[in-house]
Amino acid sequence: MSMGASMRIMALGSMAVALTLSGCVSLGGGKAPPTLFTLSAASKPVAGNTLAGKVSEALVVVEPEADRRLAVTRVPVQIDDANVAYLKDAMWVERPTRLFRGLLAETLRAKGNRLVFEDDQAEARGSLRLSGRLVEMGFDARSMSAIVRFDAVRDVGAGQVATRRFEAIEPGISADAASVGPALNRAANKVAAEVAEWSANPAPAPRTAPPR
């Protein structure tokens, strides 16, 4: 075989390898990673806007509590009342409670009327706290819906708190990563917007009458 023919064969081989690799992503020689979900805030502070205030009067958004279904990066699928699976080929980029905390904080900052910190920031020393429990953030196979459900707890001063359940449901969603991810993001943003509106002026906790 001539040297020119050998060079042409080597070039064709290199092109074939390049085309094969272009169709996948490999990390450390393993399989291609699944679809990665995150939450993106629909309401964000305007670039360049400055908000000043006392750190002691800031609102601190605390990472919500959650059960073990939501303490991992897999996306839960409720099969029936007693059985949970996980969505195929999809994962959160980090645990969903952290993502939801960031979404809440960003949505609250967009209102622009109070300093807002997340509880893992060094500056997070505000006297008011927004916490709660992320009850649901996944897919329900029975109703073919993406669901986000959050039980919020908000300081209202004088040692009192207010609580409220928020929920958003996106129905008619196919059980695949391409459909579930955007639906969960929409539902989470709806909940975050309602929490932000409520937390701006929550109803005071009821007073308990002193014993006679």
N, C-alpha and C. Protein backbone atom coordinates (compact mmCIF):
# COMPACT_ATOMS: atom_id res chain seq x y z
N MET A 1 0.84 -1.20 0.00
CA MET A 1 0.00 0.00 0.00
C MET A 1 0.88 1.25 0.00
N SER A 2 0.54 2.22 -0.82
CA SER A 2 1.35 3.43 -0.91
C SER A 2 1.16 4.28 0.33
N MET A 3 2.10 5.20 0.56
CA MET A 3 2.03 6.10 1.72
C MET A 3 0.81 6.99 1.62
N GLY A 4 0.43 7.44 0.40
CA GLY A 4 -0.74 8.31 0.24
C GLY A 4 -2.01 7.59 0.64
N ALA A 5 -2.14 6.30 0.24
CA ALA A 5 -3.34 5.54 0.60
C ALA A 5 -3.42 5.34 2.10
N SER A 6 -2.29 5.09 2.75
CA SER A 6 -2.27 4.91 4.21
C SER A 6 -2.72 6.17 4.91
N MET A 7 -2.27 7.33 4.42
CA MET A 7 -2.65 8.60 5.03
C MET A 7 -4.14 8.84 4.90
N ARG A 8 -4.72 8.46 3.72
CA ARG A 8 -6.17 8.65 3.52
C ARG A 8 -6.97 7.77 4.48
N ILE A 9 -6.51 6.53 4.70
CA ILE A 9 -7.19 5.61 5.62
C ILE A 9 -7.14 6.14 7.05
N MET A 10 -5.96 6.65 7.46
CA MET A 10 -5.83 7.20 8.80
C MET A 10 -6.74 8.40 8.98
N ALA A 11 -6.85 9.26 7.96
CA ALA A 11 -7.70 10.44 8.05
C ALA A 11 -9.16 10.05 8.17
N LEU A 12 -9.60 9.05 7.37
CA LEU A 12 -10.97 8.59 7.45
C LEU A 12 -11.28 7.99 8.81
N GLY A 13 -10.30 7.26 9.38
CA GLY A 13 -10.49 6.68 10.71
C GLY A 13 -10.65 7.75 11.77
N SER A 14 -9.86 8.81 11.69
CA SER A 14 -9.95 9.92 12.64
C SER A 14 -11.30 10.61 12.53
N MET A 15 -11.80 10.80 11.30
CA MET A 15 -13.11 11.44 11.11
C MET A 15 -14.22 10.59 11.72
N ALA A 16 -14.12 9.25 11.57
CA ALA A 16 -15.14 8.36 12.12
C ALA A 16 -15.18 8.45 13.63
N VAL A 17 -14.01 8.48 14.29
CA VAL A 17 -13.94 8.61 15.74
C VAL A 17 -14.55 9.93 16.19
N ALA A 18 -14.24 11.01 15.48
CA ALA A 18 -14.75 12.33 15.84
C ALA A 18 -16.27 12.37 15.74
N LEU A 19 -16.81 11.77 14.66
CA LEU A 19 -18.27 11.75 14.49
C LEU A 19 -18.93 10.93 15.58
N THR A 20 -18.29 9.81 16.00
CA THR A 20 -18.85 8.98 17.06
C THR A 20 -18.90 9.74 18.38
N LEU A 21 -17.85 10.44 18.73
CA LEU A 21 -17.78 11.17 19.99
C LEU A 21 -18.71 12.36 20.00
N SER A 22 -19.01 12.95 18.84
CA SER A 22 -19.84 14.13 18.82
C SER A 22 -21.28 13.85 19.23
N GLY A 23 -21.70 12.57 19.20
CA GLY A 23 -23.06 12.24 19.56
C GLY A 23 -23.27 11.93 21.01
N CYS A 24 -22.26 12.02 21.84
CA CYS A 24 -22.42 11.70 23.25
C CYS A 24 -21.45 12.53 24.07
N VAL A 25 -21.68 12.52 25.38
CA VAL A 25 -20.78 13.18 26.32
C VAL A 25 -20.35 12.13 27.32
N SER A 26 -19.10 12.00 27.56
CA SER A 26 -18.60 11.00 28.49
C SER A 26 -17.78 11.66 29.58
N LEU A 27 -18.05 11.33 30.81
CA LEU A 27 -17.29 11.84 31.95
C LEU A 27 -16.56 10.68 32.59
N GLY A 28 -15.24 10.74 32.56
CA GLY A 28 -14.48 9.69 33.20
C GLY A 28 -14.67 8.32 32.59
N GLY A 29 -15.05 8.27 31.33
CA GLY A 29 -15.21 6.99 30.67
C GLY A 29 -16.54 6.33 30.95
N GLY A 30 -17.44 6.95 31.73
CA GLY A 30 -18.72 6.34 32.05
C GLY A 30 -19.76 6.65 31.00
N LYS A 31 -21.02 6.29 31.35
CA LYS A 31 -22.11 6.54 30.43
C LYS A 31 -22.42 8.03 30.35
N ALA A 32 -23.11 8.40 29.29
CA ALA A 32 -23.54 9.79 29.16
C ALA A 32 -24.44 10.15 30.33
N PRO A 33 -24.31 11.35 30.93
CA PRO A 33 -25.12 11.72 32.09
C PRO A 33 -26.58 11.91 31.70
N PRO A 34 -27.49 11.77 32.68
CA PRO A 34 -28.90 12.01 32.39
C PRO A 34 -29.18 13.49 32.21
N THR A 35 -30.41 13.80 31.87
CA THR A 35 -30.83 15.20 31.81
C THR A 35 -30.73 15.79 33.20
N LEU A 36 -30.15 16.98 33.31
CA LEU A 36 -29.99 17.63 34.60
C LEU A 36 -31.01 18.75 34.73
N PHE A 37 -31.83 18.69 35.79
CA PHE A 37 -32.84 19.70 36.05
C PHE A 37 -32.30 20.76 37.01
N THR A 38 -32.72 22.00 36.81
CA THR A 38 -32.47 23.06 37.77
C THR A 38 -33.72 23.93 37.81
N LEU A 39 -33.73 24.93 38.69
CA LEU A 39 -34.84 25.88 38.78
C LEU A 39 -34.32 27.26 38.41
N SER A 40 -35.03 27.91 37.51
CA SER A 40 -34.64 29.25 37.06
C SER A 40 -35.76 30.22 37.42
N ALA A 41 -35.41 31.29 38.14
CA ALA A 41 -36.41 32.25 38.61
C ALA A 41 -37.00 33.04 37.46
N ALA A 42 -38.33 33.11 37.42
CA ALA A 42 -39.01 33.91 36.41
C ALA A 42 -38.91 35.40 36.74
N SER A 43 -38.84 35.72 38.04
CA SER A 43 -38.69 37.10 38.49
C SER A 43 -37.31 37.27 39.10
N LYS A 44 -36.56 38.23 38.56
CA LYS A 44 -35.19 38.47 39.02
C LYS A 44 -34.97 39.95 39.25
N PRO A 45 -34.06 40.32 40.17
CA PRO A 45 -33.73 41.74 40.34
C PRO A 45 -33.17 42.32 39.05
N VAL A 46 -33.49 43.58 38.78
CA VAL A 46 -32.97 44.25 37.60
C VAL A 46 -31.48 44.52 37.78
N ALA A 47 -30.70 44.19 36.78
CA ALA A 47 -29.25 44.40 36.86
C ALA A 47 -28.94 45.88 37.13
N GLY A 48 -28.06 46.12 38.07
CA GLY A 48 -27.65 47.48 38.39
C GLY A 48 -28.41 48.11 39.54
N ASN A 49 -29.55 47.54 39.90
CA ASN A 49 -30.31 48.07 41.03
C ASN A 49 -29.58 47.81 42.34
N THR A 50 -29.58 48.81 43.22
CA THR A 50 -28.93 48.68 44.51
C THR A 50 -29.97 48.76 45.62
N LEU A 51 -29.86 47.85 46.57
CA LEU A 51 -30.76 47.83 47.72
C LEU A 51 -29.93 47.85 48.99
N ALA A 52 -30.17 48.84 49.84
CA ALA A 52 -29.42 48.97 51.09
C ALA A 52 -30.38 48.83 52.27
N GLY A 53 -29.84 48.41 53.38
CA GLY A 53 -30.65 48.27 54.58
C GLY A 53 -29.83 47.69 55.70
N LYS A 54 -30.44 47.57 56.86
CA LYS A 54 -29.77 47.00 58.01
C LYS A 54 -29.77 45.48 57.91
N VAL A 55 -28.61 44.90 58.17
CA VAL A 55 -28.52 43.45 58.13
C VAL A 55 -29.45 42.83 59.17
N SER A 56 -29.60 43.50 60.29
CA SER A 56 -30.46 42.97 61.36
C SER A 56 -31.92 42.89 60.94
N GLU A 57 -32.31 43.66 59.91
CA GLU A 57 -33.70 43.66 59.45
C GLU A 57 -33.89 42.85 58.17
N ALA A 58 -32.85 42.14 57.76
CA ALA A 58 -32.92 41.35 56.54
C ALA A 58 -33.79 40.11 56.74
N LEU A 59 -34.27 39.59 55.62
CA LEU A 59 -35.02 38.33 55.63
C LEU A 59 -34.07 37.21 55.23
N VAL A 60 -34.02 36.17 56.04
CA VAL A 60 -33.16 35.02 55.78
C VAL A 60 -34.01 33.85 55.31
N VAL A 61 -33.72 33.37 54.12
CA VAL A 61 -34.45 32.22 53.56
C VAL A 61 -33.69 30.95 53.93
N VAL A 62 -34.35 30.09 54.66
CA VAL A 62 -33.74 28.86 55.18
C VAL A 62 -34.04 27.69 54.24
N GLU A 63 -33.06 26.84 54.01
CA GLU A 63 -33.30 25.65 53.19
C GLU A 63 -34.43 24.83 53.82
N PRO A 64 -35.46 24.50 53.05
CA PRO A 64 -36.59 23.76 53.61
C PRO A 64 -36.21 22.36 54.07
N GLU A 65 -36.99 21.85 55.00
CA GLU A 65 -36.89 20.45 55.35
C GLU A 65 -37.61 19.63 54.27
N ALA A 66 -37.33 18.34 54.23
CA ALA A 66 -38.00 17.46 53.26
C ALA A 66 -37.79 16.02 53.70
N ASP A 67 -38.67 15.13 53.23
CA ASP A 67 -38.46 13.72 53.54
C ASP A 67 -37.41 13.15 52.59
N ARG A 68 -37.14 11.87 52.73
CA ARG A 68 -36.03 11.26 51.99
C ARG A 68 -36.26 11.22 50.49
N ARG A 69 -37.52 11.25 50.04
CA ARG A 69 -37.77 11.27 48.60
C ARG A 69 -37.14 12.48 47.95
N LEU A 70 -37.13 13.61 48.68
CA LEU A 70 -36.63 14.87 48.14
C LEU A 70 -35.25 15.24 48.70
N ALA A 71 -34.65 14.33 49.44
CA ALA A 71 -33.33 14.59 50.00
C ALA A 71 -32.22 14.10 49.09
N VAL A 72 -32.59 13.64 47.89
CA VAL A 72 -31.62 13.15 46.91
C VAL A 72 -31.80 13.93 45.62
N THR A 73 -30.92 13.69 44.67
CA THR A 73 -30.99 14.43 43.41
C THR A 73 -31.85 13.74 42.36
N ARG A 74 -32.42 12.59 42.67
CA ARG A 74 -33.34 11.94 41.75
C ARG A 74 -34.69 12.64 41.78
N VAL A 75 -35.45 12.51 40.69
CA VAL A 75 -36.76 13.18 40.57
C VAL A 75 -37.86 12.16 40.88
N PRO A 76 -38.59 12.33 41.98
CA PRO A 76 -39.56 11.31 42.39
C PRO A 76 -40.79 11.26 41.49
N VAL A 77 -41.29 10.05 41.30
CA VAL A 77 -42.53 9.80 40.57
C VAL A 77 -43.45 9.01 41.49
N GLN A 78 -44.58 9.59 41.85
CA GLN A 78 -45.54 8.91 42.71
C GLN A 78 -46.38 7.97 41.85
N ILE A 79 -46.22 6.67 42.06
CA ILE A 79 -46.94 5.67 41.28
C ILE A 79 -48.35 5.47 41.83
N ASP A 80 -48.44 5.29 43.14
CA ASP A 80 -49.72 5.21 43.84
C ASP A 80 -49.49 5.69 45.26
N ASP A 81 -50.46 5.45 46.14
CA ASP A 81 -50.33 5.98 47.50
C ASP A 81 -49.14 5.41 48.25
N ALA A 82 -48.68 4.23 47.87
CA ALA A 82 -47.64 3.55 48.65
C ALA A 82 -46.33 3.35 47.91
N ASN A 83 -46.27 3.69 46.63
CA ASN A 83 -45.08 3.37 45.84
C ASN A 83 -44.54 4.60 45.11
N VAL A 84 -43.22 4.75 45.21
CA VAL A 84 -42.51 5.86 44.56
C VAL A 84 -41.40 5.29 43.69
N ALA A 85 -41.31 5.81 42.47
CA ALA A 85 -40.19 5.47 41.58
C ALA A 85 -39.43 6.77 41.30
N TYR A 86 -38.48 6.72 40.37
CA TYR A 86 -37.75 7.92 39.99
C TYR A 86 -37.76 8.07 38.49
N LEU A 87 -37.81 9.30 38.04
CA LEU A 87 -37.90 9.59 36.62
C LEU A 87 -36.66 9.10 35.88
N LYS A 88 -36.88 8.43 34.78
CA LYS A 88 -35.77 7.87 34.01
C LYS A 88 -34.95 8.97 33.34
N ASP A 89 -33.65 8.81 33.39
CA ASP A 89 -32.70 9.67 32.67
C ASP A 89 -32.80 11.13 33.08
N ALA A 90 -33.07 11.40 34.35
CA ALA A 90 -33.15 12.78 34.82
C ALA A 90 -32.71 12.87 36.27
N MET A 91 -32.00 13.96 36.58
CA MET A 91 -31.57 14.23 37.94
C MET A 91 -31.55 15.74 38.15
N TRP A 92 -31.67 16.16 39.41
CA TRP A 92 -31.44 17.56 39.76
C TRP A 92 -29.94 17.83 39.81
N VAL A 93 -29.54 19.06 39.53
CA VAL A 93 -28.12 19.40 39.58
C VAL A 93 -27.61 19.40 41.02
N GLU A 94 -28.49 19.63 41.97
CA GLU A 94 -28.19 19.47 43.39
C GLU A 94 -29.51 19.20 44.11
N ARG A 95 -29.45 18.96 45.40
CA ARG A 95 -30.68 18.54 46.06
C ARG A 95 -31.77 19.61 45.90
N PRO A 96 -33.00 19.19 45.64
CA PRO A 96 -34.06 20.13 45.30
C PRO A 96 -34.39 21.14 46.39
N THR A 97 -34.15 20.81 47.64
CA THR A 97 -34.41 21.80 48.71
C THR A 97 -33.51 23.01 48.57
N ARG A 98 -32.26 22.81 48.17
CA ARG A 98 -31.35 23.93 47.95
C ARG A 98 -31.76 24.75 46.73
N LEU A 99 -32.17 24.06 45.68
CA LEU A 99 -32.62 24.77 44.48
C LEU A 99 -33.86 25.61 44.78
N PHE A 100 -34.79 25.06 45.56
CA PHE A 100 -36.01 25.79 45.87
C PHE A 100 -35.71 26.98 46.77
N ARG A 101 -34.79 26.83 47.70
CA ARG A 101 -34.38 27.96 48.54
C ARG A 101 -33.82 29.09 47.68
N GLY A 102 -32.96 28.76 46.73
CA GLY A 102 -32.40 29.78 45.85
C GLY A 102 -33.46 30.47 45.02
N LEU A 103 -34.44 29.70 44.54
CA LEU A 103 -35.53 30.27 43.76
C LEU A 103 -36.37 31.23 44.61
N LEU A 104 -36.68 30.83 45.83
CA LEU A 104 -37.43 31.70 46.74
C LEU A 104 -36.68 33.01 47.00
N ALA A 105 -35.40 32.89 47.30
CA ALA A 105 -34.61 34.08 47.60
C ALA A 105 -34.54 35.02 46.41
N GLU A 106 -34.34 34.48 45.23
CA GLU A 106 -34.25 35.32 44.03
C GLU A 106 -35.59 36.01 43.74
N THR A 107 -36.68 35.28 43.94
CA THR A 107 -38.00 35.86 43.72
C THR A 107 -38.29 36.97 44.73
N LEU A 108 -37.89 36.75 45.97
CA LEU A 108 -38.08 37.78 47.00
C LEU A 108 -37.21 39.01 46.72
N ARG A 109 -35.99 38.79 46.24
CA ARG A 109 -35.11 39.93 45.93
C ARG A 109 -35.70 40.76 44.80
N ALA A 110 -36.42 40.12 43.89
CA ALA A 110 -37.01 40.84 42.76
C ALA A 110 -38.03 41.87 43.22
N LYS A 111 -38.62 41.67 44.40
CA LYS A 111 -39.58 42.64 44.93
C LYS A 111 -38.86 43.92 45.34
N GLY A 112 -37.57 43.80 45.72
CA GLY A 112 -36.74 44.96 45.96
C GLY A 112 -37.07 45.82 47.16
N ASN A 113 -37.77 45.27 48.16
CA ASN A 113 -38.11 46.10 49.32
C ASN A 113 -37.46 45.65 50.61
N ARG A 114 -36.58 44.66 50.54
CA ARG A 114 -35.90 44.19 51.74
C ARG A 114 -34.64 43.43 51.35
N LEU A 115 -33.60 43.52 52.18
CA LEU A 115 -32.43 42.68 51.98
C LEU A 115 -32.83 41.22 52.20
N VAL A 116 -32.38 40.35 51.31
CA VAL A 116 -32.71 38.93 51.40
C VAL A 116 -31.42 38.13 51.31
N PHE A 117 -31.23 37.24 52.27
CA PHE A 117 -30.07 36.35 52.28
C PHE A 117 -30.53 34.91 52.33
N GLU A 118 -29.65 34.02 51.87
CA GLU A 118 -29.87 32.59 52.08
C GLU A 118 -29.09 32.16 53.30
N ASP A 119 -29.57 31.14 54.00
CA ASP A 119 -29.04 30.85 55.33
C ASP A 119 -27.61 30.34 55.35
N ASP A 120 -27.04 30.00 54.18
CA ASP A 120 -25.65 29.58 54.17
C ASP A 120 -24.70 30.72 53.81
N GLN A 121 -25.23 31.94 53.67
CA GLN A 121 -24.37 33.10 53.39
C GLN A 121 -23.82 33.67 54.70
N ALA A 122 -22.59 34.16 54.64
CA ALA A 122 -21.96 34.70 55.85
C ALA A 122 -22.73 35.87 56.42
N GLU A 123 -23.42 36.64 55.55
CA GLU A 123 -24.14 37.84 56.00
C GLU A 123 -25.51 37.53 56.59
N ALA A 124 -25.90 36.25 56.58
CA ALA A 124 -27.27 35.88 56.96
C ALA A 124 -27.47 35.99 58.46
N ARG A 125 -27.70 37.24 58.90
CA ARG A 125 -27.92 37.47 60.33
C ARG A 125 -29.22 38.24 60.56
N GLY A 126 -30.13 38.19 59.62
CA GLY A 126 -31.38 38.92 59.74
C GLY A 126 -32.26 38.38 60.86
N SER A 127 -33.13 39.24 61.36
CA SER A 127 -34.01 38.87 62.47
C SER A 127 -35.25 38.13 61.99
N LEU A 128 -35.56 38.22 60.69
CA LEU A 128 -36.74 37.55 60.15
C LEU A 128 -36.31 36.35 59.32
N ARG A 129 -37.05 35.24 59.47
CA ARG A 129 -36.69 34.02 58.77
C ARG A 129 -37.90 33.46 58.02
N LEU A 130 -37.62 32.94 56.83
CA LEU A 130 -38.62 32.24 56.05
C LEU A 130 -38.13 30.81 55.89
N SER A 131 -38.83 29.89 56.49
CA SER A 131 -38.43 28.48 56.44
C SER A 131 -39.64 27.65 56.04
N GLY A 132 -39.59 26.36 56.28
CA GLY A 132 -40.73 25.52 55.97
C GLY A 132 -40.33 24.13 55.57
N ARG A 133 -41.24 23.46 54.91
CA ARG A 133 -41.02 22.07 54.49
C ARG A 133 -41.46 21.91 53.03
N LEU A 134 -40.55 21.40 52.22
CA LEU A 134 -40.88 21.09 50.83
C LEU A 134 -41.56 19.73 50.82
N VAL A 135 -42.87 19.73 50.69
CA VAL A 135 -43.65 18.51 50.79
C VAL A 135 -43.61 17.70 49.51
N GLU A 136 -43.60 18.39 48.37
CA GLU A 136 -43.62 17.70 47.08
C GLU A 136 -42.95 18.54 46.03
N MET A 137 -42.11 17.91 45.22
CA MET A 137 -41.58 18.54 44.02
C MET A 137 -41.19 17.41 43.07
N GLY A 138 -42.20 16.90 42.37
CA GLY A 138 -41.97 15.76 41.50
C GLY A 138 -43.15 15.53 40.58
N PHE A 139 -43.24 14.32 40.08
CA PHE A 139 -44.25 13.95 39.07
C PHE A 139 -45.22 12.94 39.65
N ASP A 140 -46.52 13.15 39.42
CA ASP A 140 -47.55 12.22 39.86
C ASP A 140 -48.05 11.44 38.65
N ALA A 141 -47.77 10.13 38.62
CA ALA A 141 -48.12 9.31 37.46
C ALA A 141 -49.61 9.08 37.36
N ARG A 142 -50.33 9.19 38.47
CA ARG A 142 -51.78 8.95 38.44
C ARG A 142 -52.51 10.06 37.71
N SER A 143 -52.09 11.28 37.94
CA SER A 143 -52.76 12.43 37.30
C SER A 143 -51.94 13.02 36.16
N MET A 144 -50.77 12.44 35.89
CA MET A 144 -49.86 12.94 34.86
C MET A 144 -49.60 14.43 35.07
N SER A 145 -49.20 14.76 36.29
CA SER A 145 -49.00 16.16 36.67
C SER A 145 -47.66 16.35 37.36
N ALA A 146 -47.08 17.53 37.14
CA ALA A 146 -45.92 17.97 37.91
C ALA A 146 -46.46 18.80 39.08
N ILE A 147 -45.99 18.49 40.29
CA ILE A 147 -46.54 19.10 41.50
C ILE A 147 -45.43 19.67 42.37
N VAL A 148 -45.65 20.90 42.85
CA VAL A 148 -44.78 21.50 43.86
C VAL A 148 -45.68 21.92 45.01
N ARG A 149 -45.31 21.47 46.22
CA ARG A 149 -46.12 21.77 47.41
C ARG A 149 -45.16 22.18 48.54
N PHE A 150 -45.44 23.32 49.16
CA PHE A 150 -44.53 23.89 50.15
C PHE A 150 -45.31 24.41 51.35
N ASP A 151 -44.93 23.97 52.54
CA ASP A 151 -45.50 24.49 53.78
C ASP A 151 -44.56 25.55 54.32
N ALA A 152 -44.95 26.82 54.21
CA ALA A 152 -44.08 27.94 54.59
C ALA A 152 -44.29 28.33 56.04
N VAL A 153 -43.20 28.76 56.66
CA VAL A 153 -43.23 29.29 58.03
C VAL A 153 -42.48 30.62 58.00
N ARG A 154 -43.14 31.69 58.44
CA ARG A 154 -42.57 33.03 58.34
C ARG A 154 -42.68 33.76 59.67
N ASP A 155 -41.56 34.32 60.13
CA ASP A 155 -41.59 35.14 61.34
C ASP A 155 -42.44 36.38 61.08
N VAL A 156 -43.25 36.75 62.07
CA VAL A 156 -44.05 37.97 61.95
C VAL A 156 -43.77 38.94 63.10
N GLY A 157 -42.72 38.66 63.89
CA GLY A 157 -42.35 39.57 64.97
C GLY A 157 -42.98 39.19 66.30
N ALA A 158 -42.41 39.73 67.35
CA ALA A 158 -42.91 39.50 68.71
C ALA A 158 -42.94 38.01 69.06
N GLY A 159 -41.99 37.26 68.49
CA GLY A 159 -41.92 35.84 68.80
C GLY A 159 -42.99 34.99 68.17
N GLN A 160 -43.75 35.54 67.22
CA GLN A 160 -44.82 34.80 66.57
C GLN A 160 -44.45 34.44 65.13
N VAL A 161 -45.10 33.39 64.63
CA VAL A 161 -44.89 32.96 63.24
C VAL A 161 -46.23 32.78 62.55
N ALA A 162 -46.21 32.83 61.23
CA ALA A 162 -47.38 32.54 60.41
C ALA A 162 -47.03 31.36 59.51
N THR A 163 -48.00 30.51 59.24
CA THR A 163 -47.77 29.36 58.37
C THR A 163 -48.84 29.31 57.28
N ARG A 164 -48.46 28.73 56.15
CA ARG A 164 -49.43 28.57 55.07
C ARG A 164 -48.91 27.54 54.07
N ARG A 165 -49.81 26.74 53.52
CA ARG A 165 -49.44 25.77 52.48
C ARG A 165 -49.66 26.39 51.11
N PHE A 166 -48.66 26.20 50.24
CA PHE A 166 -48.73 26.67 48.85
C PHE A 166 -48.59 25.46 47.93
N GLU A 167 -49.31 25.51 46.82
CA GLU A 167 -49.28 24.39 45.89
C GLU A 167 -49.50 24.86 44.46
N ALA A 168 -48.77 24.26 43.54
CA ALA A 168 -48.97 24.51 42.11
C ALA A 168 -48.93 23.17 41.39
N ILE A 169 -49.87 22.98 40.47
CA ILE A 169 -49.97 21.73 39.72
C ILE A 169 -49.99 22.04 38.22
N GLU A 170 -49.13 21.35 37.49
CA GLU A 170 -49.09 21.45 36.03
C GLU A 170 -49.62 20.14 35.46
N PRO A 171 -50.89 20.11 35.00
CA PRO A 171 -51.48 18.85 34.53
C PRO A 171 -51.13 18.55 33.07
N GLY A 172 -51.45 17.32 32.67
CA GLY A 172 -51.28 16.92 31.27
C GLY A 172 -49.84 16.86 30.82
N ILE A 173 -48.94 16.39 31.70
CA ILE A 173 -47.51 16.35 31.41
C ILE A 173 -47.09 14.92 31.08
N SER A 174 -46.34 14.74 30.01
CA SER A 174 -45.82 13.42 29.66
C SER A 174 -44.74 13.00 30.65
N ALA A 175 -44.64 11.71 30.89
CA ALA A 175 -43.68 11.20 31.87
C ALA A 175 -42.29 11.03 31.27
N ASP A 176 -41.73 12.13 30.79
CA ASP A 176 -40.38 12.10 30.25
C ASP A 176 -39.64 13.35 30.69
N ALA A 177 -38.33 13.28 30.68
CA ALA A 177 -37.51 14.37 31.20
C ALA A 177 -37.74 15.68 30.46
N ALA A 178 -37.96 15.62 29.16
CA ALA A 178 -38.14 16.84 28.36
C ALA A 178 -39.40 17.59 28.76
N SER A 179 -40.39 16.89 29.28
CA SER A 179 -41.66 17.52 29.66
C SER A 179 -41.71 17.85 31.14
N VAL A 180 -41.20 16.97 31.98
CA VAL A 180 -41.32 17.14 33.42
C VAL A 180 -40.45 18.29 33.93
N GLY A 181 -39.24 18.43 33.41
CA GLY A 181 -38.35 19.49 33.89
C GLY A 181 -38.94 20.88 33.76
N PRO A 182 -39.36 21.31 32.56
CA PRO A 182 -39.97 22.64 32.43
C PRO A 182 -41.24 22.80 33.25
N ALA A 183 -42.03 21.74 33.38
CA ALA A 183 -43.27 21.82 34.15
C ALA A 183 -42.97 22.05 35.63
N LEU A 184 -41.98 21.38 36.16
CA LEU A 184 -41.60 21.59 37.56
C LEU A 184 -41.07 23.00 37.77
N ASN A 185 -40.35 23.52 36.80
CA ASN A 185 -39.84 24.89 36.92
C ASN A 185 -40.99 25.90 36.95
N ARG A 186 -41.99 25.69 36.10
CA ARG A 186 -43.15 26.59 36.10
C ARG A 186 -43.90 26.51 37.42
N ALA A 187 -44.12 25.29 37.91
CA ALA A 187 -44.85 25.12 39.16
C ALA A 187 -44.08 25.73 40.33
N ALA A 188 -42.77 25.53 40.37
CA ALA A 188 -41.97 26.09 41.45
C ALA A 188 -42.00 27.61 41.43
N ASN A 189 -42.00 28.20 40.25
CA ASN A 189 -42.06 29.66 40.15
C ASN A 189 -43.42 30.19 40.61
N LYS A 190 -44.49 29.47 40.31
CA LYS A 190 -45.80 29.89 40.79
C LYS A 190 -45.85 29.90 42.31
N VAL A 191 -45.32 28.84 42.91
CA VAL A 191 -45.30 28.77 44.38
C VAL A 191 -44.42 29.88 44.95
N ALA A 192 -43.25 30.09 44.37
CA ALA A 192 -42.34 31.12 44.87
C ALA A 192 -42.97 32.50 44.80
N ALA A 193 -43.69 32.80 43.72
CA ALA A 193 -44.34 34.10 43.57
C ALA A 193 -45.42 34.29 44.63
N GLU A 194 -46.18 33.24 44.92
CA GLU A 194 -47.22 33.34 45.95
C GLU A 194 -46.62 33.48 47.34
N VAL A 195 -45.53 32.77 47.59
CA VAL A 195 -44.85 32.89 48.89
C VAL A 195 -44.30 34.30 49.07
N ALA A 196 -43.73 34.87 48.01
CA ALA A 196 -43.18 36.22 48.08
C ALA A 196 -44.27 37.24 48.38
N GLU A 197 -45.42 37.08 47.75
CA GLU A 197 -46.53 38.00 47.99
C GLU A 197 -47.04 37.87 49.43
N TRP A 198 -47.17 36.65 49.89
CA TRP A 198 -47.65 36.41 51.26
C TRP A 198 -46.66 36.88 52.31
N SER A 199 -45.39 36.63 52.08
CA SER A 199 -44.38 36.96 53.09
C SER A 199 -44.19 38.47 53.23
N ALA A 200 -44.63 39.24 52.23
CA ALA A 200 -44.52 40.69 52.33
C ALA A 200 -45.42 41.25 53.41
N ASN A 201 -46.54 40.56 53.67
CA ASN A 201 -47.47 41.03 54.69
C ASN A 201 -48.31 39.87 55.21
N PRO A 202 -47.68 38.92 55.91
CA PRO A 202 -48.43 37.76 56.39
C PRO A 202 -49.36 38.13 57.52
N ALA A 203 -50.44 37.40 57.63
CA ALA A 203 -51.36 37.64 58.73
C ALA A 203 -50.68 37.25 60.03
N PRO A 204 -50.84 38.04 61.08
CA PRO A 204 -50.20 37.71 62.35
C PRO A 204 -50.74 36.43 62.93
N ALA A 205 -49.91 35.74 63.66
CA ALA A 205 -50.36 34.52 64.30
C ALA A 205 -51.40 34.84 65.35
N PRO A 206 -52.40 33.97 65.50
CA PRO A 206 -53.44 34.27 66.48
C PRO A 206 -52.89 34.28 67.90
N ARG A 207 -53.41 35.17 68.68
CA ARG A 207 -52.98 35.25 70.07
C ARG A 207 -53.76 34.24 70.91
N THR A 208 -53.06 33.64 71.83
CA THR A 208 -53.70 32.70 72.74
C THR A 208 -54.11 33.41 74.00
N ALA A 209 -55.34 33.29 74.38
CA ALA A 209 -55.82 33.97 75.57
C ALA A 209 -55.13 33.41 76.80
N PRO A 210 -54.66 34.25 77.70
CA PRO A 210 -53.99 33.78 78.91
C PRO A 210 -54.94 33.00 79.79
N PRO A 211 -54.45 31.99 80.47
CA PRO A 211 -55.33 31.19 81.34
C PRO A 211 -55.86 32.02 82.49
N ARG A 212 -57.07 31.79 82.87
CA ARG A 212 -57.67 32.52 83.98
C ARG A 212 -57.38 31.83 85.31
